[in-house]
């Protein structure tokens, strides 16, 4: 972004990684990654 280059594929890859973390939180049903705290 700072160099004015296209980063659509990078952002797509980042969204996929965030989806993995989303699945973990949803499966645990907790606010935090280690549990309720």
ModelCIF file with pLDDT and N, C-alpha, C, O atoms, coordinates in Angstrom:
data_MODEL
#
_entry.id   MODEL 
#
_entity.id                         1 
_entity.type                       polymer 
_entity.pdbx_number_of_molecules   1 
#
_entity_poly.entity_id                      1 
_entity_poly.type                           'polypeptide(L)' 
_entity_poly.nstd_linkage                   no 
_entity_poly.nstd_monomer                   no 
_entity_poly.pdbx_seq_one_letter_code       
;(UNK)(UNK)(UNK)(UNK)(UNK)(UNK)(UNK)(UNK)(UNK)(UNK)(UNK)(UNK)(UNK)(UNK)(UNK)(UNK)
(UNK)(UNK)(UNK)(UNK)(UNK)(UNK)(UNK)(UNK)(UNK)(UNK)(UNK)(UNK)(UNK)(UNK)(UNK)(UNK)
(UNK)(UNK)(UNK)(UNK)(UNK)
;
_entity_poly.pdbx_seq_one_letter_code_can   XXXXXXXXXXXXXXXXXXXXXXXXXXXXXXXXXXXXX 
_entity_poly.pdbx_strand_id                 A 
#
loop_
_entity_poly_seq.entity_id 
_entity_poly_seq.num 
_entity_poly_seq.mon_id 
_entity_poly_seq.hetero 
1 1  UNK n 
1 2  UNK n 
1 3  UNK n 
1 4  UNK n 
1 5  UNK n 
1 6  UNK n 
1 7  UNK n 
1 8  UNK n 
1 9  UNK n 
1 10 UNK n 
1 11 UNK n 
1 12 UNK n 
1 13 UNK n 
1 14 UNK n 
1 15 UNK n 
1 16 UNK n 
1 17 UNK n 
1 18 UNK n 
1 19 UNK n 
1 20 UNK n 
1 21 UNK n 
1 22 UNK n 
1 23 UNK n 
1 24 UNK n 
1 25 UNK n 
1 26 UNK n 
1 27 UNK n 
1 28 UNK n 
1 29 UNK n 
1 30 UNK n 
1 31 UNK n 
1 32 UNK n 
1 33 UNK n 
1 34 UNK n 
1 35 UNK n 
1 36 UNK n 
1 37 UNK n 
#
_struct_asym.id          A 
_struct_asym.entity_id   1 
#
loop_
_ma_qa_metric.id 
_ma_qa_metric.mode 
_ma_qa_metric.name 
_ma_qa_metric.software_group_id 
_ma_qa_metric.type 
1 global pLDDT . pLDDT 
2 local  pLDDT . pLDDT 
#
_ma_qa_metric_global.metric_id      1 
_ma_qa_metric_global.metric_value   96.05 
_ma_qa_metric_global.model_id       1 
_ma_qa_metric_global.ordinal_id     1 
#
loop_
_ma_qa_metric_local.label_asym_id 
_ma_qa_metric_local.label_comp_id 
_ma_qa_metric_local.label_seq_id 
_ma_qa_metric_local.metric_id 
_ma_qa_metric_local.metric_value 
_ma_qa_metric_local.model_id 
_ma_qa_metric_local.ordinal_id 
A UNK 1  2 96.00 1 1  
A UNK 2  2 94.00 1 2  
A UNK 3  2 93.00 1 3  
A UNK 4  2 93.00 1 4  
A UNK 5  2 94.00 1 5  
A UNK 6  2 93.00 1 6  
A UNK 7  2 93.00 1 7  
A UNK 8  2 95.00 1 8  
A UNK 9  2 97.00 1 9  
A UNK 10 2 97.00 1 10 
A UNK 11 2 97.00 1 11 
A UNK 12 2 97.00 1 12 
A UNK 13 2 97.00 1 13 
A UNK 14 2 98.00 1 14 
A UNK 15 2 98.00 1 15 
A UNK 16 2 97.00 1 16 
A UNK 17 2 98.00 1 17 
A UNK 18 2 98.00 1 18 
A UNK 19 2 97.00 1 19 
A UNK 20 2 97.00 1 20 
A UNK 21 2 97.00 1 21 
A UNK 22 2 97.00 1 22 
A UNK 23 2 97.00 1 23 
A UNK 24 2 97.00 1 24 
A UNK 25 2 97.00 1 25 
A UNK 26 2 96.00 1 26 
A UNK 27 2 96.00 1 27 
A UNK 28 2 95.00 1 28 
A UNK 29 2 96.00 1 29 
A UNK 30 2 96.00 1 30 
A UNK 31 2 97.00 1 31 
A UNK 32 2 98.00 1 32 
A UNK 33 2 97.00 1 33 
A UNK 34 2 95.00 1 34 
A UNK 35 2 94.00 1 35 
A UNK 36 2 94.00 1 36 
A UNK 37 2 96.00 1 37 
#
loop_
_atom_site.group_PDB 
_atom_site.id 
_atom_site.type_symbol 
_atom_site.label_atom_id 
_atom_site.label_alt_id 
_atom_site.label_comp_id 
_atom_site.label_asym_id 
_atom_site.label_entity_id 
_atom_site.label_seq_id 
_atom_site.pdbx_PDB_ins_code 
_atom_site.Cartn_x 
_atom_site.Cartn_y 
_atom_site.Cartn_z 
_atom_site.occupancy 
_atom_site.B_iso_or_equiv 
_atom_site.pdbx_formal_charge 
_atom_site.auth_seq_id 
_atom_site.auth_comp_id 
_atom_site.auth_asym_id 
_atom_site.auth_atom_id 
_atom_site.pdbx_PDB_model_num 
ATOM 1   N N  . UNK A 1 1  ? 0.825   -1.212  0.000  1.00 96.00 ? 1  UNK A N  1 
ATOM 2   C CA . UNK A 1 1  ? 0.000   0.000   0.000  1.00 96.00 ? 1  UNK A CA 1 
ATOM 3   C C  . UNK A 1 1  ? 0.857   1.259   0.000  1.00 96.00 ? 1  UNK A C  1 
ATOM 4   O O  . UNK A 1 1  ? 0.542   2.234   -0.682 1.00 96.00 ? 1  UNK A O  1 
ATOM 5   N N  . UNK A 1 2  ? 1.936   1.233   0.765  1.00 94.00 ? 2  UNK A N  1 
ATOM 6   C CA . UNK A 1 2  ? 2.814   2.398   0.844  1.00 94.00 ? 2  UNK A CA 1 
ATOM 7   C C  . UNK A 1 2  ? 3.555   2.646   -0.472 1.00 94.00 ? 2  UNK A C  1 
ATOM 8   O O  . UNK A 1 2  ? 3.909   3.779   -0.798 1.00 94.00 ? 2  UNK A O  1 
ATOM 9   N N  . UNK A 1 3  ? 3.779   1.570   -1.213 1.00 93.00 ? 3  UNK A N  1 
ATOM 10  C CA . UNK A 1 3  ? 4.501   1.685   -2.480 1.00 93.00 ? 3  UNK A CA 1 
ATOM 11  C C  . UNK A 1 3  ? 3.553   1.803   -3.674 1.00 93.00 ? 3  UNK A C  1 
ATOM 12  O O  . UNK A 1 3  ? 3.995   1.800   -4.823 1.00 93.00 ? 3  UNK A O  1 
ATOM 13  N N  . UNK A 1 4  ? 2.253   1.909   -3.403 1.00 93.00 ? 4  UNK A N  1 
ATOM 14  C CA . UNK A 1 4  ? 1.279   2.061   -4.473 1.00 93.00 ? 4  UNK A CA 1 
ATOM 15  C C  . UNK A 1 4  ? 1.073   0.818   -5.316 1.00 93.00 ? 4  UNK A C  1 
ATOM 16  O O  . UNK A 1 4  ? 0.689   0.916   -6.481 1.00 93.00 ? 4  UNK A O  1 
ATOM 17  N N  . UNK A 1 5  ? 1.324   -0.352  -4.740 1.00 94.00 ? 5  UNK A N  1 
ATOM 18  C CA . UNK A 1 5  ? 1.184   -1.608  -5.476 1.00 94.00 ? 5  UNK A CA 1 
ATOM 19  C C  . UNK A 1 5  ? -0.150  -2.270  -5.160 1.00 94.00 ? 5  UNK A C  1 
ATOM 20  O O  . UNK A 1 5  ? -0.777  -1.979  -4.141 1.00 94.00 ? 5  UNK A O  1 
ATOM 21  N N  . UNK A 1 6  ? -0.568  -3.152  -6.037 1.00 93.00 ? 6  UNK A N  1 
ATOM 22  C CA . UNK A 1 6  ? -1.785  -3.925  -5.833 1.00 93.00 ? 6  UNK A CA 1 
ATOM 23  C C  . UNK A 1 6  ? -1.569  -4.931  -4.698 1.00 93.00 ? 6  UNK A C  1 
ATOM 24  O O  . UNK A 1 6  ? -0.557  -5.632  -4.662 1.00 93.00 ? 6  UNK A O  1 
ATOM 25  N N  . UNK A 1 7  ? -2.526  -4.992  -3.777 1.00 93.00 ? 7  UNK A N  1 
ATOM 26  C CA . UNK A 1 7  ? -2.364  -5.939  -2.661 1.00 93.00 ? 7  UNK A CA 1 
ATOM 27  C C  . UNK A 1 7  ? -3.612  -6.784  -2.459 1.00 93.00 ? 7  UNK A C  1 
ATOM 28  O O  . UNK A 1 7  ? -3.825  -7.323  -1.373 1.00 93.00 ? 7  UNK A O  1 
ATOM 29  N N  . UNK A 1 8  ? -4.437  -6.905  -3.490 1.00 95.00 ? 8  UNK A N  1 
ATOM 30  C CA . UNK A 1 8  ? -5.670  -7.684  -3.371 1.00 95.00 ? 8  UNK A CA 1 
ATOM 31  C C  . UNK A 1 8  ? -5.431  -9.123  -2.965 1.00 95.00 ? 8  UNK A C  1 
ATOM 32  O O  . UNK A 1 8  ? -6.142  -9.657  -2.113 1.00 95.00 ? 8  UNK A O  1 
ATOM 33  N N  . UNK A 1 9  ? -4.435  -9.756  -3.565 1.00 97.00 ? 9  UNK A N  1 
ATOM 34  C CA . UNK A 1 9  ? -4.147  -11.157 -3.235 1.00 97.00 ? 9  UNK A CA 1 
ATOM 35  C C  . UNK A 1 9  ? -3.604  -11.298 -1.820 1.00 97.00 ? 9  UNK A C  1 
ATOM 36  O O  . UNK A 1 9  ? -3.907  -12.268 -1.125 1.00 97.00 ? 9  UNK A O  1 
ATOM 37  N N  . UNK A 1 10 ? -2.801  -10.327 -1.398 1.00 97.00 ? 10 UNK A N  1 
ATOM 38  C CA . UNK A 1 10 ? -2.278  -10.346 -0.033 1.00 97.00 ? 10 UNK A CA 1 
ATOM 39  C C  . UNK A 1 10 ? -3.406  -10.204 0.979  1.00 97.00 ? 10 UNK A C  1 
ATOM 40  O O  . UNK A 1 10 ? -3.439  -10.915 1.983  1.00 97.00 ? 10 UNK A O  1 
ATOM 41  N N  . UNK A 1 11 ? -4.323  -9.291  0.718  1.00 97.00 ? 11 UNK A N  1 
ATOM 42  C CA . UNK A 1 11 ? -5.448  -9.082  1.624  1.00 97.00 ? 11 UNK A CA 1 
ATOM 43  C C  . UNK A 1 11 ? -6.358  -10.305 1.641  1.00 97.00 ? 11 UNK A C  1 
ATOM 44  O O  . UNK A 1 11 ? -6.911  -10.652 2.686  1.00 97.00 ? 11 UNK A O  1 
ATOM 45  N N  . UNK A 1 12 ? -6.518  -10.959 0.496  1.00 97.00 ? 12 UNK A N  1 
ATOM 46  C CA . UNK A 1 12 ? -7.303  -12.182 0.456  1.00 97.00 ? 12 UNK A CA 1 
ATOM 47  C C  . UNK A 1 12 ? -6.675  -13.268 1.321  1.00 97.00 ? 12 UNK A C  1 
ATOM 48  O O  . UNK A 1 12 ? -7.371  -13.968 2.056  1.00 97.00 ? 12 UNK A O  1 
ATOM 49  N N  . UNK A 1 13 ? -5.355  -13.402 1.229  1.00 97.00 ? 13 UNK A N  1 
ATOM 50  C CA . UNK A 1 13 ? -4.641  -14.385 2.047  1.00 97.00 ? 13 UNK A CA 1 
ATOM 51  C C  . UNK A 1 13 ? -4.773  -14.053 3.527  1.00 97.00 ? 13 UNK A C  1 
ATOM 52  O O  . UNK A 1 13 ? -4.925  -14.948 4.359  1.00 97.00 ? 13 UNK A O  1 
ATOM 53  N N  . UNK A 1 14 ? -4.716  -12.761 3.853  1.00 98.00 ? 14 UNK A N  1 
ATOM 54  C CA . UNK A 1 14 ? -4.845  -12.343 5.247  1.00 98.00 ? 14 UNK A CA 1 
ATOM 55  C C  . UNK A 1 14 ? -6.249  -12.633 5.764  1.00 98.00 ? 14 UNK A C  1 
ATOM 56  O O  . UNK A 1 14 ? -6.409  -13.084 6.898  1.00 98.00 ? 14 UNK A O  1 
ATOM 57  N N  . UNK A 1 15 ? -7.263  -12.379 4.947  1.00 98.00 ? 15 UNK A N  1 
ATOM 58  C CA . UNK A 1 15 ? -8.639  -12.688 5.341  1.00 98.00 ? 15 UNK A CA 1 
ATOM 59  C C  . UNK A 1 15 ? -8.813  -14.183 5.616  1.00 98.00 ? 15 UNK A C  1 
ATOM 60  O O  . UNK A 1 15 ? -9.536  -14.573 6.532  1.00 98.00 ? 15 UNK A O  1 
ATOM 61  N N  . UNK A 1 16 ? -8.157  -14.997 4.832  1.00 97.00 ? 16 UNK A N  1 
ATOM 62  C CA . UNK A 1 16 ? -8.242  -16.454 5.045  1.00 97.00 ? 16 UNK A CA 1 
ATOM 63  C C  . UNK A 1 16 ? -7.637  -16.839 6.388  1.00 97.00 ? 16 UNK A C  1 
ATOM 64  O O  . UNK A 1 16 ? -8.167  -17.703 7.088  1.00 97.00 ? 16 UNK A O  1 
ATOM 65  N N  . UNK A 1 17 ? -6.526  -16.199 6.749  1.00 98.00 ? 17 UNK A N  1 
ATOM 66  C CA . UNK A 1 17 ? -5.919  -16.473 8.058  1.00 98.00 ? 17 UNK A CA 1 
ATOM 67  C C  . UNK A 1 17 ? -6.838  -16.004 9.180  1.00 98.00 ? 17 UNK A C  1 
ATOM 68  O O  . UNK A 1 17 ? -6.961  -16.676 10.203 1.00 98.00 ? 17 UNK A O  1 
ATOM 69  N N  . UNK A 1 18 ? -7.472  -14.874 8.996  1.00 98.00 ? 18 UNK A N  1 
ATOM 70  C CA . UNK A 1 18 ? -8.411  -14.384 10.001 1.00 98.00 ? 18 UNK A CA 1 
ATOM 71  C C  . UNK A 1 18 ? -9.639  -15.293 10.104 1.00 98.00 ? 18 UNK A C  1 
ATOM 72  O O  . UNK A 1 18 ? -10.213 -15.441 11.183 1.00 98.00 ? 18 UNK A O  1 
ATOM 73  N N  . UNK A 1 19 ? -10.038 -15.895 8.995  1.00 97.00 ? 19 UNK A N  1 
ATOM 74  C CA . UNK A 1 19 ? -11.148 -16.857 9.038  1.00 97.00 ? 19 UNK A CA 1 
ATOM 75  C C  . UNK A 1 19 ? -10.795 -18.057 9.915  1.00 97.00 ? 19 UNK A C  1 
ATOM 76  O O  . UNK A 1 19 ? -11.652 -18.585 10.624 1.00 97.00 ? 19 UNK A O  1 
ATOM 77  N N  . UNK A 1 20 ? -9.534  -18.488 9.868  1.00 97.00 ? 20 UNK A N  1 
ATOM 78  C CA . UNK A 1 20 ? -9.102  -19.606 10.716 1.00 97.00 ? 20 UNK A CA 1 
ATOM 79  C C  . UNK A 1 20 ? -9.224  -19.246 12.194 1.00 97.00 ? 20 UNK A C  1 
ATOM 80  O O  . UNK A 1 20 ? -9.662  -20.060 13.007 1.00 97.00 ? 20 UNK A O  1 
ATOM 81  N N  . UNK A 1 21 ? -8.830  -18.017 12.533 1.00 97.00 ? 21 UNK A N  1 
ATOM 82  C CA . UNK A 1 21 ? -8.955  -17.568 13.921 1.00 97.00 ? 21 UNK A CA 1 
ATOM 83  C C  . UNK A 1 21 ? -10.421 -17.399 14.305 1.00 97.00 ? 21 UNK A C  1 
ATOM 84  O O  . UNK A 1 21 ? -10.806 -17.690 15.438 1.00 97.00 ? 21 UNK A O  1 
ATOM 85  N N  . UNK A 1 22 ? -11.233 -16.934 13.372 1.00 97.00 ? 22 UNK A N  1 
ATOM 86  C CA . UNK A 1 22 ? -12.673 -16.809 13.607 1.00 97.00 ? 22 UNK A CA 1 
ATOM 87  C C  . UNK A 1 22 ? -13.291 -18.155 13.952 1.00 97.00 ? 22 UNK A C  1 
ATOM 88  O O  . UNK A 1 22 ? -14.114 -18.253 14.862 1.00 97.00 ? 22 UNK A O  1 
ATOM 89  N N  . UNK A 1 23 ? -12.893 -19.187 13.227 1.00 97.00 ? 23 UNK A N  1 
ATOM 90  C CA . UNK A 1 23 ? -13.419 -20.528 13.481 1.00 97.00 ? 23 UNK A CA 1 
ATOM 91  C C  . UNK A 1 23 ? -13.062 -21.020 14.878 1.00 97.00 ? 23 UNK A C  1 
ATOM 92  O O  . UNK A 1 23 ? -13.864 -21.680 15.540 1.00 97.00 ? 23 UNK A O  1 
ATOM 93  N N  . UNK A 1 24 ? -11.859 -20.695 15.315 1.00 97.00 ? 24 UNK A N  1 
ATOM 94  C CA . UNK A 1 24 ? -11.426 -21.112 16.650 1.00 97.00 ? 24 UNK A CA 1 
ATOM 95  C C  . UNK A 1 24 ? -12.284 -20.452 17.724 1.00 97.00 ? 24 UNK A C  1 
ATOM 96  O O  . UNK A 1 24 ? -12.775 -21.124 18.631 1.00 97.00 ? 24 UNK A O  1 
ATOM 97  N N  . UNK A 1 25 ? -12.464 -19.136 17.621 1.00 97.00 ? 25 UNK A N  1 
ATOM 98  C CA . UNK A 1 25 ? -13.286 -18.433 18.608 1.00 97.00 ? 25 UNK A CA 1 
ATOM 99  C C  . UNK A 1 25 ? -14.729 -18.927 18.582 1.00 97.00 ? 25 UNK A C  1 
ATOM 100 O O  . UNK A 1 25 ? -15.351 -19.089 19.632 1.00 97.00 ? 25 UNK A O  1 
ATOM 101 N N  . UNK A 1 26 ? -15.261 -19.166 17.385 1.00 96.00 ? 26 UNK A N  1 
ATOM 102 C CA . UNK A 1 26 ? -16.647 -19.636 17.263 1.00 96.00 ? 26 UNK A CA 1 
ATOM 103 C C  . UNK A 1 26 ? -16.801 -21.035 17.850 1.00 96.00 ? 26 UNK A C  1 
ATOM 104 O O  . UNK A 1 26 ? -17.795 -21.324 18.517 1.00 96.00 ? 26 UNK A O  1 
ATOM 105 N N  . UNK A 1 27 ? -15.826 -21.900 17.607 1.00 96.00 ? 27 UNK A N  1 
ATOM 106 C CA . UNK A 1 27 ? -15.874 -23.260 18.144 1.00 96.00 ? 27 UNK A CA 1 
ATOM 107 C C  . UNK A 1 27 ? -15.784 -23.258 19.661 1.00 96.00 ? 27 UNK A C  1 
ATOM 108 O O  . UNK A 1 27 ? -16.501 -23.991 20.342 1.00 96.00 ? 27 UNK A O  1 
ATOM 109 N N  . UNK A 1 28 ? -14.877 -22.409 20.188 1.00 95.00 ? 28 UNK A N  1 
ATOM 110 C CA . UNK A 1 28 ? -14.713 -22.335 21.643 1.00 95.00 ? 28 UNK A CA 1 
ATOM 111 C C  . UNK A 1 28 ? -15.900 -21.652 22.318 1.00 95.00 ? 28 UNK A C  1 
ATOM 112 O O  . UNK A 1 28 ? -16.221 -21.941 23.470 1.00 95.00 ? 28 UNK A O  1 
ATOM 113 N N  . UNK A 1 29 ? -16.545 -20.746 21.589 1.00 96.00 ? 29 UNK A N  1 
ATOM 114 C CA . UNK A 1 29 ? -17.619 -19.916 22.133 1.00 96.00 ? 29 UNK A CA 1 
ATOM 115 C C  . UNK A 1 29 ? -17.124 -19.100 23.326 1.00 96.00 ? 29 UNK A C  1 
ATOM 116 O O  . UNK A 1 29 ? -17.793 -19.000 24.354 1.00 96.00 ? 29 UNK A O  1 
ATOM 117 N N  . UNK A 1 30 ? -15.935 -18.518 23.162 1.00 96.00 ? 30 UNK A N  1 
ATOM 118 C CA . UNK A 1 30 ? -15.339 -17.657 24.189 1.00 96.00 ? 30 UNK A CA 1 
ATOM 119 C C  . UNK A 1 30 ? -14.936 -16.336 23.557 1.00 96.00 ? 30 UNK A C  1 
ATOM 120 O O  . UNK A 1 30 ? -14.715 -16.253 22.349 1.00 96.00 ? 30 UNK A O  1 
ATOM 121 N N  . UNK A 1 31 ? -14.843 -15.311 24.381 1.00 97.00 ? 31 UNK A N  1 
ATOM 122 C CA . UNK A 1 31 ? -14.416 -13.997 23.878 1.00 97.00 ? 31 UNK A CA 1 
ATOM 123 C C  . UNK A 1 31 ? -12.935 -14.010 23.542 1.00 97.00 ? 31 UNK A C  1 
ATOM 124 O O  . UNK A 1 31 ? -12.516 -13.454 22.527 1.00 97.00 ? 31 UNK A O  1 
ATOM 125 N N  . UNK A 1 32 ? -12.135 -14.653 24.408 1.00 98.00 ? 32 UNK A N  1 
ATOM 126 C CA . UNK A 1 32 ? -10.680 -14.654 24.258 1.00 98.00 ? 32 UNK A CA 1 
ATOM 127 C C  . UNK A 1 32 ? -10.196 -16.002 23.750 1.00 98.00 ? 32 UNK A C  1 
ATOM 128 O O  . UNK A 1 32 ? -10.897 -17.009 23.858 1.00 98.00 ? 32 UNK A O  1 
ATOM 129 N N  . UNK A 1 33 ? -8.988  -16.011 23.195 1.00 97.00 ? 33 UNK A N  1 
ATOM 130 C CA . UNK A 1 33 ? -8.473  -17.247 22.603 1.00 97.00 ? 33 UNK A CA 1 
ATOM 131 C C  . UNK A 1 33 ? -8.122  -18.302 23.647 1.00 97.00 ? 33 UNK A C  1 
ATOM 132 O O  . UNK A 1 33 ? -8.144  -19.498 23.355 1.00 97.00 ? 33 UNK A O  1 
ATOM 133 N N  . UNK A 1 34 ? -7.799  -17.863 24.862 1.00 95.00 ? 34 UNK A N  1 
ATOM 134 C CA . UNK A 1 34 ? -7.470  -18.821 25.911 1.00 95.00 ? 34 UNK A CA 1 
ATOM 135 C C  . UNK A 1 34 ? -8.646  -19.213 26.774 1.00 95.00 ? 34 UNK A C  1 
ATOM 136 O O  . UNK A 1 34 ? -8.501  -20.034 27.680 1.00 95.00 ? 34 UNK A O  1 
ATOM 137 N N  . UNK A 1 35 ? -9.825  -18.636 26.507 1.00 94.00 ? 35 UNK A N  1 
ATOM 138 C CA . UNK A 1 35 ? -10.994 -18.939 27.330 1.00 94.00 ? 35 UNK A CA 1 
ATOM 139 C C  . UNK A 1 35 ? -11.766 -17.679 27.660 1.00 94.00 ? 35 UNK A C  1 
ATOM 140 O O  . UNK A 1 35 ? -11.761 -16.726 26.880 1.00 94.00 ? 35 UNK A O  1 
ATOM 141 N N  . UNK A 1 36 ? -12.435 -17.660 28.813 1.00 94.00 ? 36 UNK A N  1 
ATOM 142 C CA . UNK A 1 36 ? -13.275 -16.501 29.167 1.00 94.00 ? 36 UNK A CA 1 
ATOM 143 C C  . UNK A 1 36 ? -12.487 -15.261 29.581 1.00 94.00 ? 36 UNK A C  1 
ATOM 144 O O  . UNK A 1 36 ? -13.025 -14.154 29.573 1.00 94.00 ? 36 UNK A O  1 
ATOM 145 N N  . UNK A 1 37 ? -11.219 -15.438 29.942 1.00 96.00 ? 37 UNK A N  1 
ATOM 146 C CA . UNK A 1 37 ? -10.395 -14.313 30.401 1.00 96.00 ? 37 UNK A CA 1 
ATOM 147 C C  . UNK A 1 37 ? -9.183  -14.147 29.491 1.00 96.00 ? 37 UNK A C  1 
ATOM 148 O O  . UNK A 1 37 ? -8.365  -13.253 29.709 1.00 96.00 ? 37 UNK A O  1 
#
